[in-house]
């Protein structure tokens, strides 16, 4: 388990669930990942709910408004740390992506923008102020990987390497799976969406878990759905994708973690 007090630019730093049922989501993820929660009021009258392992934050969730529900199903949004949210948003547009929301200030916590890459995968950039992002990562119950599923691997590689300075390195020629690197460090992975797969391009958060077999039973008994078979990870470990009872997609990983 790695504790964080700061993030380098280009590193995934936060995940946030937009859901139609915060009470149901809280119960589901608490049972599956061991999360506790803090609440803070937000201007629309609802609450921003921070998920925690012990006293360390790992992510958050909030209730979708009616306008959001009309255009977007429940989903996890993955945040990348930046020192310049405005500059990142402008550059994303120049590279063929789009600025969906912002940039805007989140009170004293930081500045952000919600972006979409040229293939249609949503993500966010976070310029921290009072809130740095997740305080603990890479372990059971914590964000441990972020995976891009894309309809155009070459286009996605070009976009993100230009936007964030990432490097893309193929690690499994058979499947085409590649990893994103910031310097020498790993920062997630990517894979082309197969023919016949109706899934839209997306970023999927992958949380650590100590027992995938037990997690499969837990998900099924809690109203979630296991979407894929359990798959081996190049270099060790295994994972599977699932959705929570409201339909938001995530994945779980069991294996060795980076610090």
C-alpha atoms as a PDB file:
ATOM      1  CA  UNK A   1       0.000   0.000   0.000  1.00  0.00           C
ATOM      2  CA  UNK A   2       1.444   3.335  -1.021  1.00  0.00           C
ATOM      3  CA  UNK A   3       0.654   6.546   0.843  1.00  0.00           C
ATOM      4  CA  UNK A   4       0.681   9.794  -1.153  1.00  0.00           C
ATOM      5  CA  UNK A   5       1.274  13.375  -0.068  1.00  0.00           C
ATOM      6  CA  UNK A   6       1.800  14.713  -3.610  1.00  0.00           C
ATOM      7  CA  UNK A   7       1.493  13.583  -7.227  1.00  0.00           C
ATOM      8  CA  UNK A   8       3.692  14.113 -10.259  1.00  0.00           C
ATOM      9  CA  UNK A   9       2.029  15.665 -13.293  1.00  0.00           C
ATOM     10  CA  UNK A  10       0.514  13.017 -15.541  1.00  0.00           C
ATOM     11  CA  UNK A  11      -0.208  10.507 -12.756  1.00  0.00           C
ATOM     12  CA  UNK A  12      -3.721   9.265 -12.028  1.00  0.00           C
ATOM     13  CA  UNK A  13      -4.616  10.743  -8.656  1.00  0.00           C
ATOM     14  CA  UNK A  14      -8.349  10.325  -7.981  1.00  0.00           C
ATOM     15  CA  UNK A  15     -11.490   8.441  -8.974  1.00  0.00           C
ATOM     16  CA  UNK A  16     -15.069   9.571  -8.512  1.00  0.00           C
ATOM     17  CA  UNK A  17     -18.328   7.690  -8.891  1.00  0.00           C
ATOM     18  CA  UNK A  18     -21.426   9.413 -10.272  1.00  0.00           C
ATOM     19  CA  UNK A  19     -24.368   7.237  -9.282  1.00  0.00           C
ATOM     20  CA  UNK A  20     -28.146   7.167  -9.121  1.00  0.00           C
ATOM     21  CA  UNK A  21     -28.149   5.664  -5.613  1.00  0.00           C
ATOM     22  CA  UNK A  22     -25.472   6.785  -3.170  1.00  0.00           C
ATOM     23  CA  UNK A  23     -26.905   4.721  -0.308  1.00  0.00           C
ATOM     24  CA  UNK A  24     -26.806   1.574  -2.424  1.00  0.00           C
ATOM     25  CA  UNK A  25     -23.331   2.348  -3.749  1.00  0.00           C
ATOM     26  CA  UNK A  26     -21.994   3.028  -0.264  1.00  0.00           C
ATOM     27  CA  UNK A  27     -23.247  -0.319   0.978  1.00  0.00           C
ATOM     28  CA  UNK A  28     -21.929  -2.189  -2.060  1.00  0.00           C
ATOM     29  CA  UNK A  29     -18.391  -0.778  -2.006  1.00  0.00           C
ATOM     30  CA  UNK A  30     -18.127  -0.887   1.782  1.00  0.00           C
ATOM     31  CA  UNK A  31     -18.843  -4.602   1.688  1.00  0.00           C
ATOM     32  CA  UNK A  32     -16.564  -5.257  -1.271  1.00  0.00           C
ATOM     33  CA  UNK A  33     -13.616  -2.949  -0.587  1.00  0.00           C
ATOM     34  CA  UNK A  34     -13.889  -2.148   3.130  1.00  0.00           C
ATOM     35  CA  UNK A  35     -14.573   1.553   2.661  1.00  0.00           C
ATOM     36  CA  UNK A  36     -15.780   3.994   5.298  1.00  0.00           C
ATOM     37  CA  UNK A  37     -17.162   7.396   4.342  1.00  0.00           C
ATOM     38  CA  UNK A  38     -17.135  11.091   5.169  1.00  0.00           C
ATOM     39  CA  UNK A  39     -19.749  13.500   3.807  1.00  0.00           C
ATOM     40  CA  UNK A  40     -19.527  17.175   2.914  1.00  0.00           C
ATOM     41  CA  UNK A  41     -22.420  19.313   1.627  1.00  0.00           C
ATOM     42  CA  UNK A  42     -22.207  20.653  -1.925  1.00  0.00           C
ATOM     43  CA  UNK A  43     -24.063  23.634  -3.441  1.00  0.00           C
ATOM     44  CA  UNK A  44     -26.845  21.588  -5.098  1.00  0.00           C
ATOM     45  CA  UNK A  45     -28.014  20.440  -1.663  1.00  0.00           C
ATOM     46  CA  UNK A  46     -26.650  16.910  -1.886  1.00  0.00           C
ATOM     47  CA  UNK A  47     -23.405  15.533  -0.445  1.00  0.00           C
ATOM     48  CA  UNK A  48     -19.929  14.781  -1.736  1.00  0.00           C
ATOM     49  CA  UNK A  49     -19.028  11.446  -0.186  1.00  0.00           C
ATOM     50  CA  UNK A  50     -15.350  10.640   0.320  1.00  0.00           C
ATOM     51  CA  UNK A  51     -14.438   6.960   0.503  1.00  0.00           C
ATOM     52  CA  UNK A  52     -11.705   6.067   3.016  1.00  0.00           C
ATOM     53  CA  UNK A  53      -9.540   3.212   4.158  1.00  0.00           C
ATOM     54  CA  UNK A  54      -8.944   3.994   7.796  1.00  0.00           C
ATOM     55  CA  UNK A  55      -8.282   7.723   7.851  1.00  0.00           C
ATOM     56  CA  UNK A  56      -6.919   7.877   4.261  1.00  0.00           C
ATOM     57  CA  UNK A  57      -9.050   8.932   1.284  1.00  0.00           C
ATOM     58  CA  UNK A  58      -9.220   6.625  -1.745  1.00  0.00           C
ATOM     59  CA  UNK A  59     -11.949   8.151  -3.924  1.00  0.00           C
ATOM     60  CA  UNK A  60     -15.417   9.658  -3.815  1.00  0.00           C
ATOM     61  CA  UNK A  61     -18.998   9.436  -5.007  1.00  0.00           C
ATOM     62  CA  UNK A  62     -21.973  11.733  -5.493  1.00  0.00           C
ATOM     63  CA  UNK A  63     -25.588  11.527  -6.675  1.00  0.00           C
ATOM     64  CA  UNK A  64     -26.205  12.314 -10.338  1.00  0.00           C
ATOM     65  CA  UNK A  65     -28.657  15.118 -11.030  1.00  0.00           C
ATOM     66  CA  UNK A  66     -31.583  14.597 -13.367  1.00  0.00           C
ATOM     67  CA  UNK A  67     -29.744  16.347 -16.211  1.00  0.00           C
ATOM     68  CA  UNK A  68     -26.772  13.993 -15.816  1.00  0.00           C
ATOM     69  CA  UNK A  69     -28.961  10.899 -15.649  1.00  0.00           C
ATOM     70  CA  UNK A  70     -30.551  11.853 -18.956  1.00  0.00           C
ATOM     71  CA  UNK A  71     -27.240  11.735 -20.837  1.00  0.00           C
ATOM     72  CA  UNK A  72     -24.880   9.515 -18.844  1.00  0.00           C
ATOM     73  CA  UNK A  73     -25.326   6.229 -16.953  1.00  0.00           C
ATOM     74  CA  UNK A  74     -23.614   5.757 -13.570  1.00  0.00           C
ATOM     75  CA  UNK A  75     -19.866   5.838 -14.128  1.00  0.00           C
ATOM     76  CA  UNK A  76     -16.422   6.154 -12.609  1.00  0.00           C
ATOM     77  CA  UNK A  77     -14.407   9.230 -13.642  1.00  0.00           C
ATOM     78  CA  UNK A  78     -10.608   8.940 -13.563  1.00  0.00           C
ATOM     79  CA  UNK A  79      -8.541  12.054 -12.732  1.00  0.00           C
ATOM     80  CA  UNK A  80      -5.010  12.874 -13.938  1.00  0.00           C
ATOM     81  CA  UNK A  81      -2.904  15.327 -11.959  1.00  0.00           C
ATOM     82  CA  UNK A  82      -1.791  18.504 -13.733  1.00  0.00           C
ATOM     83  CA  UNK A  83      -0.198  21.795 -12.741  1.00  0.00           C
ATOM     84  CA  UNK A  84      -2.325  23.646 -15.322  1.00  0.00           C
ATOM     85  CA  UNK A  85      -5.921  22.494 -15.818  1.00  0.00           C
ATOM     86  CA  UNK A  86      -6.641  25.315 -18.274  1.00  0.00           C
ATOM     87  CA  UNK A  87      -3.603  24.498 -20.365  1.00  0.00           C
ATOM     88  CA  UNK A  88      -4.383  20.778 -20.379  1.00  0.00           C
ATOM     89  CA  UNK A  89      -7.973  21.420 -21.463  1.00  0.00           C
ATOM     90  CA  UNK A  90      -6.877  23.724 -24.266  1.00  0.00           C
ATOM     91  CA  UNK A  91      -4.266  21.252 -25.482  1.00  0.00           C
ATOM     92  CA  UNK A  92      -6.772  18.378 -25.429  1.00  0.00           C
ATOM     93  CA  UNK A  93      -8.963  20.388 -27.788  1.00  0.00           C
ATOM     94  CA  UNK A  94      -6.048  21.107 -30.102  1.00  0.00           C
ATOM     95  CA  UNK A  95      -5.275  17.376 -30.249  1.00  0.00           C
ATOM     96  CA  UNK A  96      -8.786  16.420 -31.332  1.00  0.00           C
ATOM     97  CA  UNK A  97     -10.383  15.832 -27.938  1.00  0.00           C
ATOM     98  CA  UNK A  98     -13.148  17.932 -26.429  1.00  0.00           C
ATOM     99  CA  UNK A  99     -13.725  19.886 -23.246  1.00  0.00           C
ATOM    100  CA  UNK A 100     -16.975  18.608 -21.763  1.00  0.00           C
ATOM    101  CA  UNK A 101     -17.000  20.655 -18.517  1.00  0.00           C
ATOM    102  CA  UNK A 102     -14.799  23.477 -17.280  1.00  0.00           C
ATOM    103  CA  UNK A 103     -12.133  24.329 -16.445  1.00  0.00           C
ATOM    104  CA  UNK A 104     -13.553  25.508 -13.119  1.00  0.00           C
ATOM    105  CA  UNK A 105     -12.569  25.897  -9.474  1.00  0.00           C
ATOM    106  CA  UNK A 106     -13.846  23.381  -6.918  1.00  0.00           C
ATOM    107  CA  UNK A 107     -14.022  25.775  -3.985  1.00  0.00           C
ATOM    108  CA  UNK A 108     -10.640  25.757  -2.221  1.00  0.00           C
ATOM    109  CA  UNK A 109      -9.896  22.158  -3.176  1.00  0.00           C
ATOM    110  CA  UNK A 110      -8.476  22.592  -6.664  1.00  0.00           C
ATOM    111  CA  UNK A 111      -9.268  23.285 -10.307  1.00  0.00           C
ATOM    112  CA  UNK A 112     -10.489  20.720 -12.816  1.00  0.00           C
ATOM    113  CA  UNK A 113     -11.894  19.990 -16.250  1.00  0.00           C
ATOM    114  CA  UNK A 114     -13.771  17.005 -17.655  1.00  0.00           C
ATOM    115  CA  UNK A 115     -12.384  16.020 -21.042  1.00  0.00           C
ATOM    116  CA  UNK A 116     -13.100  13.469 -23.755  1.00  0.00           C
ATOM    117  CA  UNK A 117     -10.459  11.927 -25.984  1.00  0.00           C
ATOM    118  CA  UNK A 118     -10.941  11.714 -29.787  1.00  0.00           C
ATOM    119  CA  UNK A 119     -12.346   8.183 -29.487  1.00  0.00           C
ATOM    120  CA  UNK A 120     -14.905   9.181 -26.840  1.00  0.00           C
ATOM    121  CA  UNK A 121     -13.381   8.090 -23.513  1.00  0.00           C
ATOM    122  CA  UNK A 122     -14.039  10.539 -20.663  1.00  0.00           C
ATOM    123  CA  UNK A 123     -11.415  11.528 -18.105  1.00  0.00           C
ATOM    124  CA  UNK A 124     -10.632  14.534 -15.924  1.00  0.00           C
ATOM    125  CA  UNK A 125      -7.621  16.660 -15.072  1.00  0.00           C
ATOM    126  CA  UNK A 126      -7.022  17.855 -11.515  1.00  0.00           C
ATOM    127  CA  UNK A 127      -4.921  20.855 -10.476  1.00  0.00           C
ATOM    128  CA  UNK A 128      -4.693  20.400  -6.700  1.00  0.00           C
ATOM    129  CA  UNK A 129      -4.895  23.028  -4.041  1.00  0.00           C
ATOM    130  CA  UNK A 130      -6.249  21.866  -0.656  1.00  0.00           C
ATOM    131  CA  UNK A 131      -7.121  18.406  -2.028  1.00  0.00           C
ATOM    132  CA  UNK A 132      -4.196  16.465  -3.525  1.00  0.00           C
ATOM    133  CA  UNK A 133      -6.136  13.322  -4.515  1.00  0.00           C
ATOM    134  CA  UNK A 134      -6.114   9.813  -3.066  1.00  0.00           C
ATOM    135  CA  UNK A 135      -3.995   9.568   0.076  1.00  0.00           C
ATOM    136  CA  UNK A 136      -3.429   5.842  -0.351  1.00  0.00           C
ATOM    137  CA  UNK A 137      -3.154   3.742  -3.543  1.00  0.00           C
ATOM    138  CA  UNK A 138      -1.901   0.375  -4.793  1.00  0.00           C
ATOM    139  CA  UNK A 139      -3.328  -2.139  -2.372  1.00  0.00           C
ATOM    140  CA  UNK A 140      -6.524  -3.929  -1.369  1.00  0.00           C
ATOM    141  CA  UNK A 141      -9.418  -1.481  -1.374  1.00  0.00           C
ATOM    142  CA  UNK A 142      -7.434   1.261  -3.125  1.00  0.00           C
ATOM    143  CA  UNK A 143      -7.080   2.450  -6.701  1.00  0.00           C
ATOM    144  CA  UNK A 144      -4.317   0.309  -8.184  1.00  0.00           C
ATOM    145  CA  UNK A 145      -4.520   0.714 -11.978  1.00  0.00           C
ATOM    146  CA  UNK A 146      -6.384   2.634 -14.685  1.00  0.00           C
ATOM    147  CA  UNK A 147      -7.136   1.007 -18.022  1.00  0.00           C
ATOM    148  CA  UNK A 148      -8.111   2.633 -21.298  1.00  0.00           C
ATOM    149  CA  UNK A 149     -10.344   0.562 -23.556  1.00  0.00           C
ATOM    150  CA  UNK A 150     -10.284   2.239 -26.951  1.00  0.00           C
ATOM    151  CA  UNK A 151     -11.571   1.884 -30.485  1.00  0.00           C
ATOM    152  CA  UNK A 152      -8.334   3.266 -31.971  1.00  0.00           C
ATOM    153  CA  UNK A 153      -5.136   2.228 -30.212  1.00  0.00           C
ATOM    154  CA  UNK A 154      -2.790   4.252 -32.412  1.00  0.00           C
ATOM    155  CA  UNK A 155      -4.962   7.346 -32.135  1.00  0.00           C
ATOM    156  CA  UNK A 156      -5.204   7.022 -28.363  1.00  0.00           C
ATOM    157  CA  UNK A 157      -1.462   6.557 -27.997  1.00  0.00           C
ATOM    158  CA  UNK A 158      -0.835   9.688 -30.063  1.00  0.00           C
ATOM    159  CA  UNK A 159      -3.353  11.765 -28.086  1.00  0.00           C
ATOM    160  CA  UNK A 160      -2.198  10.877 -24.578  1.00  0.00           C
ATOM    161  CA  UNK A 161       1.531  10.958 -25.314  1.00  0.00           C
ATOM    162  CA  UNK A 162       1.100  14.472 -26.718  1.00  0.00           C
ATOM    163  CA  UNK A 163      -1.220  15.622 -23.929  1.00  0.00           C
ATOM    164  CA  UNK A 164       0.571  14.241 -20.868  1.00  0.00           C
ATOM    165  CA  UNK A 165       3.979  13.157 -22.121  1.00  0.00           C
ATOM    166  CA  UNK A 166       3.200   9.513 -21.447  1.00  0.00           C
ATOM    167  CA  UNK A 167       5.027   6.710 -23.208  1.00  0.00           C
ATOM    168  CA  UNK A 168       3.117   3.665 -24.472  1.00  0.00           C
ATOM    169  CA  UNK A 169       4.873   0.287 -24.338  1.00  0.00           C
ATOM    170  CA  UNK A 170       3.345  -2.941 -25.643  1.00  0.00           C
ATOM    171  CA  UNK A 171       3.732  -5.805 -23.178  1.00  0.00           C
ATOM    172  CA  UNK A 172       1.610  -8.544 -24.769  1.00  0.00           C
ATOM    173  CA  UNK A 173       1.867  -8.802 -28.578  1.00  0.00           C
ATOM    174  CA  UNK A 174      -0.890 -11.432 -28.736  1.00  0.00           C
ATOM    175  CA  UNK A 175      -3.587  -9.219 -27.208  1.00  0.00           C
ATOM    176  CA  UNK A 176      -1.973  -5.888 -28.013  1.00  0.00           C
ATOM    177  CA  UNK A 177      -2.064  -4.885 -24.357  1.00  0.00           C
ATOM    178  CA  UNK A 178       0.169  -1.907 -23.603  1.00  0.00           C
ATOM    179  CA  UNK A 179       1.142   0.074 -20.529  1.00  0.00           C
ATOM    180  CA  UNK A 180       1.350   3.812 -20.015  1.00  0.00           C
ATOM    181  CA  UNK A 181       4.548   5.076 -18.434  1.00  0.00           C
ATOM    182  CA  UNK A 182       5.518   8.372 -16.825  1.00  0.00           C
ATOM    183  CA  UNK A 183       9.277   8.339 -16.820  1.00  0.00           C
ATOM    184  CA  UNK A 184      10.162   4.810 -15.719  1.00  0.00           C
ATOM    185  CA  UNK A 185       7.017   4.408 -13.623  1.00  0.00           C
ATOM    186  CA  UNK A 186       3.841   2.606 -14.693  1.00  0.00           C
ATOM    187  CA  UNK A 187       0.669   4.685 -14.909  1.00  0.00           C
ATOM    188  CA  UNK A 188      -1.990   2.321 -16.235  1.00  0.00           C
ATOM    189  CA  UNK A 189      -2.631   0.332 -19.365  1.00  0.00           C
ATOM    190  CA  UNK A 190      -4.662   0.095 -22.524  1.00  0.00           C
ATOM    191  CA  UNK A 191      -6.271  -2.298 -24.942  1.00  0.00           C
ATOM    192  CA  UNK A 192      -8.203  -2.129 -28.171  1.00  0.00           C
ATOM    193  CA  UNK A 193     -11.927  -2.888 -28.019  1.00  0.00           C
ATOM    194  CA  UNK A 194     -12.542  -6.103 -29.919  1.00  0.00           C
ATOM    195  CA  UNK A 195     -14.771  -6.449 -32.960  1.00  0.00           C
ATOM    196  CA  UNK A 196     -18.345  -7.054 -31.904  1.00  0.00           C
ATOM    197  CA  UNK A 197     -17.838  -5.556 -28.435  1.00  0.00           C
ATOM    198  CA  UNK A 198     -20.523  -2.859 -28.016  1.00  0.00           C
ATOM    199  CA  UNK A 199     -18.694  -1.143 -25.151  1.00  0.00           C
ATOM    200  CA  UNK A 200     -17.895   2.513 -25.803  1.00  0.00           C
ATOM    201  CA  UNK A 201     -14.319   3.723 -25.323  1.00  0.00           C
ATOM    202  CA  UNK A 202     -13.734   4.243 -21.607  1.00  0.00           C
ATOM    203  CA  UNK A 203     -11.295   4.519 -18.742  1.00  0.00           C
ATOM    204  CA  UNK A 204     -11.883   1.810 -16.128  1.00  0.00           C
ATOM    205  CA  UNK A 205     -10.558   2.129 -12.556  1.00  0.00           C
ATOM    206  CA  UNK A 206      -9.058  -1.054 -11.133  1.00  0.00           C
ATOM    207  CA  UNK A 207      -9.096  -1.498  -7.367  1.00  0.00           C
ATOM    208  CA  UNK A 208      -6.956  -3.920  -5.405  1.00  0.00           C
ATOM    209  CA  UNK A 209      -8.518  -6.930  -3.690  1.00  0.00           C
ATOM    210  CA  UNK A 210      -6.981  -9.730  -1.620  1.00  0.00           C
ATOM    211  CA  UNK A 211      -9.341 -12.505  -2.790  1.00  0.00           C
ATOM    212  CA  UNK A 212     -10.881 -12.363  -6.263  1.00  0.00           C
ATOM    213  CA  UNK A 213     -12.756 -15.646  -5.833  1.00  0.00           C
ATOM    214  CA  UNK A 214     -14.427 -14.267  -2.730  1.00  0.00           C
ATOM    215  CA  UNK A 215     -15.066 -10.958  -4.474  1.00  0.00           C
ATOM    216  CA  UNK A 216     -16.976 -12.705  -7.262  1.00  0.00           C
ATOM    217  CA  UNK A 217     -19.333 -14.208  -4.685  1.00  0.00           C
ATOM    218  CA  UNK A 218     -19.611 -10.881  -2.856  1.00  0.00           C
ATOM    219  CA  UNK A 219     -20.507  -8.988  -6.038  1.00  0.00           C
ATOM    220  CA  UNK A 220     -23.151 -11.513  -7.056  1.00  0.00           C
ATOM    221  CA  UNK A 221     -24.754 -11.547  -3.606  1.00  0.00           C
ATOM    222  CA  UNK A 222     -24.762  -7.721  -3.432  1.00  0.00           C
ATOM    223  CA  UNK A 223     -26.568  -7.030  -6.700  1.00  0.00           C
ATOM    224  CA  UNK A 224     -23.546  -6.369  -8.898  1.00  0.00           C
ATOM    225  CA  UNK A 225     -22.565  -8.190 -12.091  1.00  0.00           C
ATOM    226  CA  UNK A 226     -19.291  -9.856 -13.025  1.00  0.00           C
ATOM    227  CA  UNK A 227     -18.682  -8.868 -16.666  1.00  0.00           C
ATOM    228  CA  UNK A 228     -15.568 -10.809 -17.657  1.00  0.00           C
ATOM    229  CA  UNK A 229     -13.784 -14.000 -16.770  1.00  0.00           C
ATOM    230  CA  UNK A 230     -10.821 -13.702 -14.422  1.00  0.00           C
ATOM    231  CA  UNK A 231      -7.786 -12.999 -16.605  1.00  0.00           C
ATOM    232  CA  UNK A 232      -4.072 -13.307 -15.997  1.00  0.00           C
ATOM    233  CA  UNK A 233      -2.035 -10.106 -16.092  1.00  0.00           C
ATOM    234  CA  UNK A 234       1.248 -10.016 -18.029  1.00  0.00           C
ATOM    235  CA  UNK A 235       3.992 -10.026 -15.399  1.00  0.00           C
ATOM    236  CA  UNK A 236       1.811 -11.574 -12.685  1.00  0.00           C
ATOM    237  CA  UNK A 237      -1.534 -11.174 -10.994  1.00  0.00           C
ATOM    238  CA  UNK A 238      -5.103 -11.475 -12.231  1.00  0.00           C
ATOM    239  CA  UNK A 239      -8.185  -9.313 -12.613  1.00  0.00           C
ATOM    240  CA  UNK A 240     -11.784  -9.185 -13.779  1.00  0.00           C
ATOM    241  CA  UNK A 241     -14.264  -6.462 -14.681  1.00  0.00           C
ATOM    242  CA  UNK A 242     -17.629  -5.976 -13.001  1.00  0.00           C
ATOM    243  CA  UNK A 243     -20.420  -3.471 -12.564  1.00  0.00           C
ATOM    244  CA  UNK A 244     -22.048  -2.274  -9.369  1.00  0.00           C
ATOM    245  CA  UNK A 245     -25.829  -2.551  -8.773  1.00  0.00           C
ATOM    246  CA  UNK A 246     -26.375   0.836 -10.436  1.00  0.00           C
ATOM    247  CA  UNK A 247     -24.343  -0.149 -13.527  1.00  0.00           C
ATOM    248  CA  UNK A 248     -21.002   1.644 -13.061  1.00  0.00           C
ATOM    249  CA  UNK A 249     -18.116  -0.434 -14.425  1.00  0.00           C
ATOM    250  CA  UNK A 250     -14.917  -1.091 -12.471  1.00  0.00           C
ATOM    251  CA  UNK A 251     -12.387  -3.908 -12.148  1.00  0.00           C
ATOM    252  CA  UNK A 252     -10.591  -5.744  -9.344  1.00  0.00           C
ATOM    253  CA  UNK A 253      -6.961  -6.885  -9.251  1.00  0.00           C
ATOM    254  CA  UNK A 254      -5.219  -9.466  -7.093  1.00  0.00           C
ATOM    255  CA  UNK A 255      -1.434  -9.697  -7.157  1.00  0.00           C
ATOM    256  CA  UNK A 256       1.694  -7.704  -6.426  1.00  0.00           C
ATOM    257  CA  UNK A 257       1.486  -3.922  -6.303  1.00  0.00           C
ATOM    258  CA  UNK A 258       3.820  -1.051  -7.014  1.00  0.00           C
ATOM    259  CA  UNK A 259       4.526   1.125  -3.994  1.00  0.00           C
END
